[in-house]
Amino acid sequence: MAIYKVTLINNAHELAQTIDVPDTESILDEAYEQGIKLPFECAVGACATCEGKLVTGSVDQSEQIFLNDNQIAAGHVLLCVAKPTSDCTVEVELDH
């Protein structure tokens, strides 16, 4: 099991926090475990509530069924199923 550094950013809320995420866990699950509240609904990759934007790095989100190929190519990720495959930076929304 590899552990990657995932930096979550949200400029509007001045968030720039790096968390350790094992390659076996989703970014959403690890963020929640570390006290970062990100919005989510279905938690199975079938909606866009937890959508983020991959700025750098790579993730495995092969379990998602919502995003089309163009959205994935543009960097969109569903954090509930996205597992890091490298250190990465992701723009996120925050749950209030």
PDB file of N, CA and C in Angstrom:
ATOM      1  N   MET A   1       0.848  -1.184   0.000  1.00  0.00           N
ATOM      2  CA  MET A   1       0.000   0.000   0.000  1.00  0.00           C
ATOM      3  C   MET A   1       0.890   1.243   0.000  1.00  0.00           C
ATOM      4  N   ALA A   2       0.642   2.104  -0.946  1.00  0.00           N
ATOM      5  CA  ALA A   2       1.354   3.384  -1.021  1.00  0.00           C
ATOM      6  C   ALA A   2       0.495   4.460  -0.357  1.00  0.00           C
ATOM      7  N   ILE A   3       1.160   5.454   0.194  1.00  0.00           N
ATOM      8  CA  ILE A   3       0.463   6.602   0.780  1.00  0.00           C
ATOM      9  C   ILE A   3       0.930   7.849   0.039  1.00  0.00           C
ATOM     10  N   TYR A   4      -0.053   8.628  -0.441  1.00  0.00           N
ATOM     11  CA  TYR A   4       0.247   9.818  -1.222  1.00  0.00           C
ATOM     12  C   TYR A   4      -0.173  11.075  -0.477  1.00  0.00           C
ATOM     13  N   LYS A   5       0.493  12.173  -0.796  1.00  0.00           N
ATOM     14  CA  LYS A   5       0.146  13.490  -0.265  1.00  0.00           C
ATOM     15  C   LYS A   5      -0.893  14.092  -1.206  1.00  0.00           C
ATOM     16  N   VAL A   6      -2.061  14.387  -0.673  1.00  0.00           N
ATOM     17  CA  VAL A   6      -3.134  14.997  -1.455  1.00  0.00           C
ATOM     18  C   VAL A   6      -3.404  16.371  -0.856  1.00  0.00           C
ATOM     19  N   THR A   7      -3.213  17.403  -1.666  1.00  0.00           N
ATOM     20  CA  THR A   7      -3.464  18.766  -1.219  1.00  0.00           C
ATOM     21  C   THR A   7      -4.841  19.194  -1.712  1.00  0.00           C
ATOM     22  N   LEU A   8      -5.685  19.565  -0.771  1.00  0.00           N
ATOM     23  CA  LEU A   8      -7.040  20.029  -1.074  1.00  0.00           C
ATOM     24  C   LEU A   8      -7.036  21.543  -1.009  1.00  0.00           C
ATOM     25  N   ILE A   9      -7.502  22.182  -2.073  1.00  0.00           N
ATOM     26  CA  ILE A   9      -7.504  23.638  -2.104  1.00  0.00           C
ATOM     27  C   ILE A   9      -8.897  24.177  -2.418  1.00  0.00           C
ATOM     28  N   ASN A  10      -9.204  25.298  -1.807  1.00  0.00           N
ATOM     29  CA  ASN A  10     -10.410  26.058  -2.091  1.00  0.00           C
ATOM     30  C   ASN A  10     -10.051  27.509  -1.834  1.00  0.00           C
ATOM     31  N   ASN A  11      -9.811  28.253  -2.888  1.00  0.00           N
ATOM     32  CA  ASN A  11      -9.345  29.632  -2.755  1.00  0.00           C
ATOM     33  C   ASN A  11     -10.358  30.543  -2.075  1.00  0.00           C
ATOM     34  N   ALA A  12     -11.637  30.329  -2.319  1.00  0.00           N
ATOM     35  CA  ALA A  12     -12.668  31.182  -1.735  1.00  0.00           C
ATOM     36  C   ALA A  12     -12.687  31.086  -0.211  1.00  0.00           C
ATOM     37  N   HIS A  13     -12.314  29.920   0.314  1.00  0.00           N
ATOM     38  CA  HIS A  13     -12.322  29.715   1.765  1.00  0.00           C
ATOM     39  C   HIS A  13     -10.912  29.601   2.338  1.00  0.00           C
ATOM     40  N   GLU A  14      -9.931  29.984   1.526  1.00  0.00           N
ATOM     41  CA  GLU A  14      -8.522  29.984   1.930  1.00  0.00           C
ATOM     42  C   GLU A  14      -8.082  28.641   2.500  1.00  0.00           C
ATOM     43  N   LEU A  15      -8.545  27.556   1.868  1.00  0.00           N
ATOM     44  CA  LEU A  15      -8.142  26.219   2.267  1.00  0.00           C
ATOM     45  C   LEU A  15      -6.991  25.758   1.393  1.00  0.00           C
ATOM     46  N   ALA A  16      -5.954  25.283   2.004  1.00  0.00           N
ATOM     47  CA  ALA A  16      -4.839  24.618   1.326  1.00  0.00           C
ATOM     48  C   ALA A  16      -4.274  23.645   2.341  1.00  0.00           C
ATOM     49  N   GLN A  17      -4.856  22.453   2.373  1.00  0.00           N
ATOM     50  CA  GLN A  17      -4.464  21.476   3.386  1.00  0.00           C
ATOM     51  C   GLN A  17      -4.027  20.183   2.707  1.00  0.00           C
ATOM     52  N   THR A  18      -2.896  19.666   3.161  1.00  0.00           N
ATOM     53  CA  THR A  18      -2.370  18.423   2.616  1.00  0.00           C
ATOM     54  C   THR A  18      -2.639  17.292   3.600  1.00  0.00           C
ATOM     55  N   ILE A  19      -3.190  16.206   3.069  1.00  0.00           N
ATOM     56  CA  ILE A  19      -3.482  15.035   3.883  1.00  0.00           C
ATOM     57  C   ILE A  19      -2.804  13.816   3.266  1.00  0.00           C
ATOM     58  N   ASP A  20      -2.540  12.821   4.093  1.00  0.00           N
ATOM     59  CA  ASP A  20      -2.014  11.554   3.615  1.00  0.00           C
ATOM     60  C   ASP A  20      -3.180  10.654   3.259  1.00  0.00           C
ATOM     61  N   VAL A  21      -3.139  10.101   2.026  1.00  0.00           N
ATOM     62  CA  VAL A  21      -4.219   9.237   1.574  1.00  0.00           C
ATOM     63  C   VAL A  21      -3.624   7.937   1.030  1.00  0.00           C
ATOM     64  N   PRO A  22      -3.938   6.799   1.661  1.00  0.00           N
ATOM     65  CA  PRO A  22      -3.484   5.524   1.116  1.00  0.00           C
ATOM     66  C   PRO A  22      -4.127   5.268  -0.245  1.00  0.00           C
ATOM     67  N   ASP A  23      -3.436   4.538  -1.100  1.00  0.00           N
ATOM     68  CA  ASP A  23      -3.983   4.274  -2.433  1.00  0.00           C
ATOM     69  C   ASP A  23      -5.177   3.323  -2.408  1.00  0.00           C
ATOM     70  N   THR A  24      -5.521   2.833  -1.232  1.00  0.00           N
ATOM     71  CA  THR A  24      -6.679   1.950  -1.087  1.00  0.00           C
ATOM     72  C   THR A  24      -7.920   2.683  -0.591  1.00  0.00           C
ATOM     73  N   GLU A  25      -7.783   3.978  -0.300  1.00  0.00           N
ATOM     74  CA  GLU A  25      -8.892   4.767   0.251  1.00  0.00           C
ATOM     75  C   GLU A  25      -9.260   5.914  -0.676  1.00  0.00           C
ATOM     76  N   SER A  26     -10.527   6.319  -0.631  1.00  0.00           N
ATOM     77  CA  SER A  26     -10.940   7.466  -1.436  1.00  0.00           C
ATOM     78  C   SER A  26     -10.492   8.756  -0.760  1.00  0.00           C
ATOM     79  N   ILE A  27     -10.320   9.773  -1.578  1.00  0.00           N
ATOM     80  CA  ILE A  27      -9.945  11.088  -1.055  1.00  0.00           C
ATOM     81  C   ILE A  27     -11.034  11.605  -0.115  1.00  0.00           C
ATOM     82  N   LEU A  28     -12.293  11.399  -0.464  1.00  0.00           N
ATOM     83  CA  LEU A  28     -13.406  11.852   0.380  1.00  0.00           C
ATOM     84  C   LEU A  28     -13.356  11.197   1.755  1.00  0.00           C
ATOM     85  N   ASP A  29     -13.161   9.892   1.807  1.00  0.00           N
ATOM     86  CA  ASP A  29     -13.131   9.184   3.086  1.00  0.00           C
ATOM     87  C   ASP A  29     -11.993   9.679   3.977  1.00  0.00           C
ATOM     88  N   GLU A  30     -10.817   9.838   3.404  1.00  0.00           N
ATOM     89  CA  GLU A  30      -9.675  10.282   4.202  1.00  0.00           C
ATOM     90  C   GLU A  30      -9.832  11.734   4.642  1.00  0.00           C
ATOM     91  N   ALA A  31     -10.381  12.582   3.786  1.00  0.00           N
ATOM     92  CA  ALA A  31     -10.617  13.973   4.173  1.00  0.00           C
ATOM     93  C   ALA A  31     -11.570  14.010   5.369  1.00  0.00           C
ATOM     94  N   TYR A  32     -12.632  13.235   5.295  1.00  0.00           N
ATOM     95  CA  TYR A  32     -13.599  13.178   6.395  1.00  0.00           C
ATOM     96  C   TYR A  32     -12.935  12.691   7.678  1.00  0.00           C
ATOM     97  N   GLU A  33     -12.120  11.642   7.569  1.00  0.00           N
ATOM     98  CA  GLU A  33     -11.418  11.109   8.737  1.00  0.00           C
ATOM     99  C   GLU A  33     -10.502  12.153   9.375  1.00  0.00           C
ATOM    100  N   GLN A  34     -10.009  13.088   8.575  1.00  0.00           N
ATOM    101  CA  GLN A  34      -9.084  14.098   9.070  1.00  0.00           C
ATOM    102  C   GLN A  34      -9.773  15.438   9.341  1.00  0.00           C
ATOM    103  N   GLY A  35     -11.110  15.413   9.395  1.00  0.00           N
ATOM    104  CA  GLY A  35     -11.862  16.584   9.818  1.00  0.00           C
ATOM    105  C   GLY A  35     -12.184  17.595   8.743  1.00  0.00           C
ATOM    106  N   ILE A  36     -11.980  17.240   7.478  1.00  0.00           N
ATOM    107  CA  ILE A  36     -12.311  18.157   6.381  1.00  0.00           C
ATOM    108  C   ILE A  36     -13.660  17.729   5.809  1.00  0.00           C
ATOM    109  N   LYS A  37     -14.620  18.621   5.889  1.00  0.00           N
ATOM    110  CA  LYS A  37     -15.972  18.282   5.449  1.00  0.00           C
ATOM    111  C   LYS A  37     -16.171  18.702   4.001  1.00  0.00           C
ATOM    112  N   LEU A  38     -16.257  17.699   3.138  1.00  0.00           N
ATOM    113  CA  LEU A  38     -16.514  17.921   1.726  1.00  0.00           C
ATOM    114  C   LEU A  38     -17.934  17.458   1.421  1.00  0.00           C
ATOM    115  N   PRO A  39     -18.621  18.121   0.503  1.00  0.00           N
ATOM    116  CA  PRO A  39     -19.989  17.708   0.191  1.00  0.00           C
ATOM    117  C   PRO A  39     -20.010  16.359  -0.520  1.00  0.00           C
ATOM    118  N   PHE A  40     -21.008  15.550  -0.193  1.00  0.00           N
ATOM    119  CA  PHE A  40     -21.216  14.293  -0.903  1.00  0.00           C
ATOM    120  C   PHE A  40     -22.669  13.885  -0.739  1.00  0.00           C
ATOM    121  N   GLU A  41     -23.111  12.988  -1.599  1.00  0.00           N
ATOM    122  CA  GLU A  41     -24.482  12.504  -1.511  1.00  0.00           C
ATOM    123  C   GLU A  41     -24.515  10.991  -1.659  1.00  0.00           C
ATOM    124  N   CYS A  42     -24.239  10.497  -2.856  1.00  0.00           N
ATOM    125  CA  CYS A  42     -24.400   9.063  -3.098  1.00  0.00           C
ATOM    126  C   CYS A  42     -23.219   8.237  -2.588  1.00  0.00           C
ATOM    127  N   ALA A  43     -22.016   8.793  -2.637  1.00  0.00           N
ATOM    128  CA  ALA A  43     -20.778   8.130  -2.200  1.00  0.00           C
ATOM    129  C   ALA A  43     -20.428   6.880  -2.996  1.00  0.00           C
ATOM    130  N   VAL A  44     -20.981   6.740  -4.205  1.00  0.00           N
ATOM    131  CA  VAL A  44     -20.648   5.589  -5.055  1.00  0.00           C
ATOM    132  C   VAL A  44     -20.276   6.003  -6.478  1.00  0.00           C
ATOM    133  N   GLY A  45     -20.024   7.284  -6.693  1.00  0.00           N
ATOM    134  CA  GLY A  45     -19.602   7.744  -8.015  1.00  0.00           C
ATOM    135  C   GLY A  45     -20.705   7.865  -9.040  1.00  0.00           C
ATOM    136  N   ALA A  46     -21.937   8.066  -8.577  1.00  0.00           N
ATOM    137  CA  ALA A  46     -23.065   8.135  -9.500  1.00  0.00           C
ATOM    138  C   ALA A  46     -23.704   9.524  -9.579  1.00  0.00           C
ATOM    139  N   CYS A  47     -23.160  10.496  -8.858  1.00  0.00           N
ATOM    140  CA  CYS A  47     -23.661  11.868  -8.941  1.00  0.00           C
ATOM    141  C   CYS A  47     -22.452  12.797  -8.939  1.00  0.00           C
ATOM    142  N   ALA A  48     -22.664  14.084  -8.938  1.00  0.00           N
ATOM    143  CA  ALA A  48     -21.534  15.018  -9.001  1.00  0.00           C
ATOM    144  C   ALA A  48     -21.413  15.876  -7.747  1.00  0.00           C
ATOM    145  N   THR A  49     -22.061  15.494  -6.667  1.00  0.00           N
ATOM    146  CA  THR A  49     -22.039  16.305  -5.457  1.00  0.00           C
ATOM    147  C   THR A  49     -20.626  16.487  -4.917  1.00  0.00           C
ATOM    148  N   CYS A  50     -19.799  15.454  -5.009  1.00  0.00           N
ATOM    149  CA  CYS A  50     -18.441  15.509  -4.449  1.00  0.00           C
ATOM    150  C   CYS A  50     -17.392  15.817  -5.516  1.00  0.00           C
ATOM    151  N   GLU A  51     -17.807  16.369  -6.624  1.00  0.00           N
ATOM    152  CA  GLU A  51     -16.876  16.615  -7.728  1.00  0.00           C
ATOM    153  C   GLU A  51     -15.794  17.626  -7.355  1.00  0.00           C
ATOM    154  N   GLY A  52     -14.580  17.320  -7.755  1.00  0.00           N
ATOM    155  CA  GLY A  52     -13.450  18.218  -7.601  1.00  0.00           C
ATOM    156  C   GLY A  52     -12.738  18.352  -8.928  1.00  0.00           C
ATOM    157  N   LYS A  53     -11.683  19.139  -8.935  1.00  0.00           N
ATOM    158  CA  LYS A  53     -10.905  19.352 -10.164  1.00  0.00           C
ATOM    159  C   LYS A  53      -9.451  19.019  -9.865  1.00  0.00           C
ATOM    160  N   LEU A  54      -8.922  18.031 -10.569  1.00  0.00           N
ATOM    161  CA  LEU A  54      -7.544  17.616 -10.398  1.00  0.00           C
ATOM    162  C   LEU A  54      -6.630  18.649 -11.035  1.00  0.00           C
ATOM    163  N   VAL A  55      -5.775  19.263 -10.219  1.00  0.00           N
ATOM    164  CA  VAL A  55      -4.859  20.288 -10.691  1.00  0.00           C
ATOM    165  C   VAL A  55      -3.527  19.670 -11.082  1.00  0.00           C
ATOM    166  N   THR A  56      -3.019  18.791 -10.226  1.00  0.00           N
ATOM    167  CA  THR A  56      -1.785  18.062 -10.512  1.00  0.00           C
ATOM    168  C   THR A  56      -1.944  16.634 -10.016  1.00  0.00           C
ATOM    169  N   GLY A  57      -1.139  15.733 -10.574  1.00  0.00           N
ATOM    170  CA  GLY A  57      -1.143  14.349 -10.130  1.00  0.00           C
ATOM    171  C   GLY A  57      -2.167  13.501 -10.843  1.00  0.00           C
ATOM    172  N   SER A  58      -2.425  12.327 -10.270  1.00  0.00           N
ATOM    173  CA  SER A  58      -3.347  11.389 -10.902  1.00  0.00           C
ATOM    174  C   SER A  58      -4.120  10.602  -9.856  1.00  0.00           C
ATOM    175  N   VAL A  59      -5.294  10.137 -10.259  1.00  0.00           N
ATOM    176  CA  VAL A  59      -6.150   9.328  -9.393  1.00  0.00           C
ATOM    177  C   VAL A  59      -6.744   8.180 -10.206  1.00  0.00           C
ATOM    178  N   ASP A  60      -7.161   7.156  -9.491  1.00  0.00           N
ATOM    179  CA  ASP A  60      -7.943   6.076 -10.086  1.00  0.00           C
ATOM    180  C   ASP A  60      -9.381   6.315  -9.663  1.00  0.00           C
ATOM    181  N   GLN A  61     -10.240   6.575 -10.641  1.00  0.00           N
ATOM    182  CA  GLN A  61     -11.663   6.730 -10.349  1.00  0.00           C
ATOM    183  C   GLN A  61     -12.464   5.824 -11.278  1.00  0.00           C
ATOM    184  N   SER A  62     -11.923   4.644 -11.514  1.00  0.00           N
ATOM    185  CA  SER A  62     -12.539   3.696 -12.450  1.00  0.00           C
ATOM    186  C   SER A  62     -13.920   3.229 -11.997  1.00  0.00           C
ATOM    187  N   GLU A  63     -14.251   3.415 -10.725  1.00  0.00           N
ATOM    188  CA  GLU A  63     -15.570   3.006 -10.225  1.00  0.00           C
ATOM    189  C   GLU A  63     -16.669   4.031 -10.516  1.00  0.00           C
ATOM    190  N   GLN A  64     -16.293   5.234 -10.943  1.00  0.00           N
ATOM    191  CA  GLN A  64     -17.309   6.268 -11.174  1.00  0.00           C
ATOM    192  C   GLN A  64     -18.108   5.942 -12.433  1.00  0.00           C
ATOM    193  N   ILE A  65     -19.387   6.349 -12.426  1.00  0.00           N
ATOM    194  CA  ILE A  65     -20.250   6.109 -13.588  1.00  0.00           C
ATOM    195  C   ILE A  65     -20.942   7.388 -14.058  1.00  0.00           C
ATOM    196  N   PHE A  66     -20.547   8.532 -13.524  1.00  0.00           N
ATOM    197  CA  PHE A  66     -21.236   9.787 -13.824  1.00  0.00           C
ATOM    198  C   PHE A  66     -20.530  10.623 -14.880  1.00  0.00           C
ATOM    199  N   LEU A  67     -19.220  10.784 -14.766  1.00  0.00           N
ATOM    200  CA  LEU A  67     -18.472  11.681 -15.647  1.00  0.00           C
ATOM    201  C   LEU A  67     -18.251  11.062 -17.018  1.00  0.00           C
ATOM    202  N   ASN A  68     -18.289  11.917 -18.051  1.00  0.00           N
ATOM    203  CA  ASN A  68     -17.981  11.428 -19.390  1.00  0.00           C
ATOM    204  C   ASN A  68     -16.487  11.609 -19.670  1.00  0.00           C
ATOM    205  N   ASP A  69     -16.029  11.073 -20.774  1.00  0.00           N
ATOM    206  CA  ASP A  69     -14.598  11.107 -21.104  1.00  0.00           C
ATOM    207  C   ASP A  69     -14.045  12.526 -21.197  1.00  0.00           C
ATOM    208  N   ASN A  70     -14.830  13.459 -21.730  1.00  0.00           N
ATOM    209  CA  ASN A  70     -14.376  14.849 -21.841  1.00  0.00           C
ATOM    210  C   ASN A  70     -14.198  15.489 -20.469  1.00  0.00           C
ATOM    211  N   GLN A  71     -15.113  15.207 -19.545  1.00  0.00           N
ATOM    212  CA  GLN A  71     -14.999  15.750 -18.196  1.00  0.00           C
ATOM    213  C   GLN A  71     -13.762  15.181 -17.487  1.00  0.00           C
ATOM    214  N   ILE A  72     -13.523  13.898 -17.658  1.00  0.00           N
ATOM    215  CA  ILE A  72     -12.351  13.273 -17.038  1.00  0.00           C
ATOM    216  C   ILE A  72     -11.077  13.863 -17.631  1.00  0.00           C
ATOM    217  N   ALA A  73     -11.061  14.035 -18.947  1.00  0.00           N
ATOM    218  CA  ALA A  73      -9.887  14.619 -19.605  1.00  0.00           C
ATOM    219  C   ALA A  73      -9.637  16.044 -19.131  1.00  0.00           C
ATOM    220  N   ALA A  74     -10.698  16.754 -18.743  1.00  0.00           N
ATOM    221  CA  ALA A  74     -10.572  18.133 -18.250  1.00  0.00           C
ATOM    222  C   ALA A  74     -10.182  18.181 -16.770  1.00  0.00           C
ATOM    223  N   GLY A  75     -10.028  17.011 -16.132  1.00  0.00           N
ATOM    224  CA  GLY A  75      -9.569  16.973 -14.753  1.00  0.00           C
ATOM    225  C   GLY A  75     -10.634  16.797 -13.694  1.00  0.00           C
ATOM    226  N   HIS A  76     -11.867  16.604 -14.101  1.00  0.00           N
ATOM    227  CA  HIS A  76     -12.931  16.429 -13.112  1.00  0.00           C
ATOM    228  C   HIS A  76     -12.799  15.066 -12.434  1.00  0.00           C
ATOM    229  N   VAL A  77     -12.970  15.057 -11.117  1.00  0.00           N
ATOM    230  CA  VAL A  77     -12.887  13.821 -10.347  1.00  0.00           C
ATOM    231  C   VAL A  77     -14.039  13.756  -9.353  1.00  0.00           C
ATOM    232  N   LEU A  78     -14.485  12.546  -9.086  1.00  0.00           N
ATOM    233  CA  LEU A  78     -15.482  12.326  -8.043  1.00  0.00           C
ATOM    234  C   LEU A  78     -14.745  11.811  -6.820  1.00  0.00           C
ATOM    235  N   LEU A  79     -14.676  12.632  -5.799  1.00  0.00           N
ATOM    236  CA  LEU A  79     -13.832  12.363  -4.642  1.00  0.00           C
ATOM    237  C   LEU A  79     -14.263  11.145  -3.845  1.00  0.00           C
ATOM    238  N   CYS A  80     -15.518  10.731  -3.973  1.00  0.00           N
ATOM    239  CA  CYS A  80     -15.995   9.575  -3.211  1.00  0.00           C
ATOM    240  C   CYS A  80     -15.398   8.265  -3.720  1.00  0.00           C
ATOM    241  N   VAL A  81     -14.943   8.247  -4.957  1.00  0.00           N
ATOM    242  CA  VAL A  81     -14.339   7.030  -5.513  1.00  0.00           C
ATOM    243  C   VAL A  81     -12.910   7.248  -5.985  1.00  0.00           C
ATOM    244  N   ALA A  82     -12.441   8.480  -5.984  1.00  0.00           N
ATOM    245  CA  ALA A  82     -11.087   8.789  -6.467  1.00  0.00           C
ATOM    246  C   ALA A  82     -10.047   8.365  -5.442  1.00  0.00           C
ATOM    247  N   LYS A  83      -9.151   7.476  -5.869  1.00  0.00           N
ATOM    248  CA  LYS A  83      -8.049   7.014  -5.029  1.00  0.00           C
ATOM    249  C   LYS A  83      -6.759   7.510  -5.669  1.00  0.00           C
ATOM    250  N   PRO A  84      -5.887   8.135  -4.896  1.00  0.00           N
ATOM    251  CA  PRO A  84      -4.671   8.702  -5.501  1.00  0.00           C
ATOM    252  C   PRO A  84      -3.744   7.622  -6.047  1.00  0.00           C
ATOM    253  N   THR A  85      -3.117   7.940  -7.177  1.00  0.00           N
ATOM    254  CA  THR A  85      -2.075   7.080  -7.744  1.00  0.00           C
ATOM    255  C   THR A  85      -0.751   7.824  -7.790  1.00  0.00           C
ATOM    256  N   SER A  86      -0.741   9.033  -7.256  1.00  0.00           N
ATOM    257  CA  SER A  86       0.463   9.856  -7.108  1.00  0.00           C
ATOM    258  C   SER A  86       0.132  10.957  -6.114  1.00  0.00           C
ATOM    259  N   ASP A  87       1.127  11.730  -5.705  1.00  0.00           N
ATOM    260  CA  ASP A  87       0.839  12.952  -4.953  1.00  0.00           C
ATOM    261  C   ASP A  87       0.001  13.823  -5.873  1.00  0.00           C
ATOM    262  N   CYS A  88      -0.972  14.532  -5.335  1.00  0.00           N
ATOM    263  CA  CYS A  88      -1.827  15.347  -6.201  1.00  0.00           C
ATOM    264  C   CYS A  88      -2.398  16.542  -5.473  1.00  0.00           C
ATOM    265  N   THR A  89      -2.922  17.467  -6.261  1.00  0.00           N
ATOM    266  CA  THR A  89      -3.620  18.650  -5.762  1.00  0.00           C
ATOM    267  C   THR A  89      -5.002  18.673  -6.402  1.00  0.00           C
ATOM    268  N   VAL A  90      -6.013  18.907  -5.572  1.00  0.00           N
ATOM    269  CA  VAL A  90      -7.395  18.891  -6.051  1.00  0.00           C
ATOM    270  C   VAL A  90      -8.129  20.121  -5.538  1.00  0.00           C
ATOM    271  N   GLU A  91      -8.792  20.831  -6.459  1.00  0.00           N
ATOM    272  CA  GLU A  91      -9.688  21.919  -6.063  1.00  0.00           C
ATOM    273  C   GLU A  91     -10.976  21.297  -5.591  1.00  0.00           C
ATOM    274  N   VAL A  92     -11.459  21.722  -4.414  1.00  0.00           N
ATOM    275  CA  VAL A  92     -12.650  21.125  -3.813  1.00  0.00           C
ATOM    276  C   VAL A  92     -13.641  22.195  -3.394  1.00  0.00           C
ATOM    277  N   GLU A  93     -14.880  21.774  -3.232  1.00  0.00           N
ATOM    278  CA  GLU A  93     -15.896  22.588  -2.588  1.00  0.00           C
ATOM    279  C   GLU A  93     -15.929  22.160  -1.128  1.00  0.00           C
ATOM    280  N   LEU A  94     -16.408  23.013  -0.251  1.00  0.00           N
ATOM    281  CA  LEU A  94     -16.498  22.681   1.160  1.00  0.00           C
ATOM    282  C   LEU A  94     -17.961  22.558   1.566  1.00  0.00           C
ATOM    283  N   ASP A  95     -18.228  21.627   2.463  1.00  0.00           N
ATOM    284  CA  ASP A  95     -19.570  21.434   3.002  1.00  0.00           C
ATOM    285  C   ASP A  95     -19.688  22.327   4.225  1.00  0.00           C
ATOM    286  N   HIS A  96     -20.748  23.084   4.283  1.00  0.00           N
ATOM    287  CA  HIS A  96     -20.898  24.010   5.415  1.00  0.00           C
ATOM    288  C   HIS A  96     -21.820  23.485   6.449  1.00  0.00           C
TER     289      HIS A  96
END
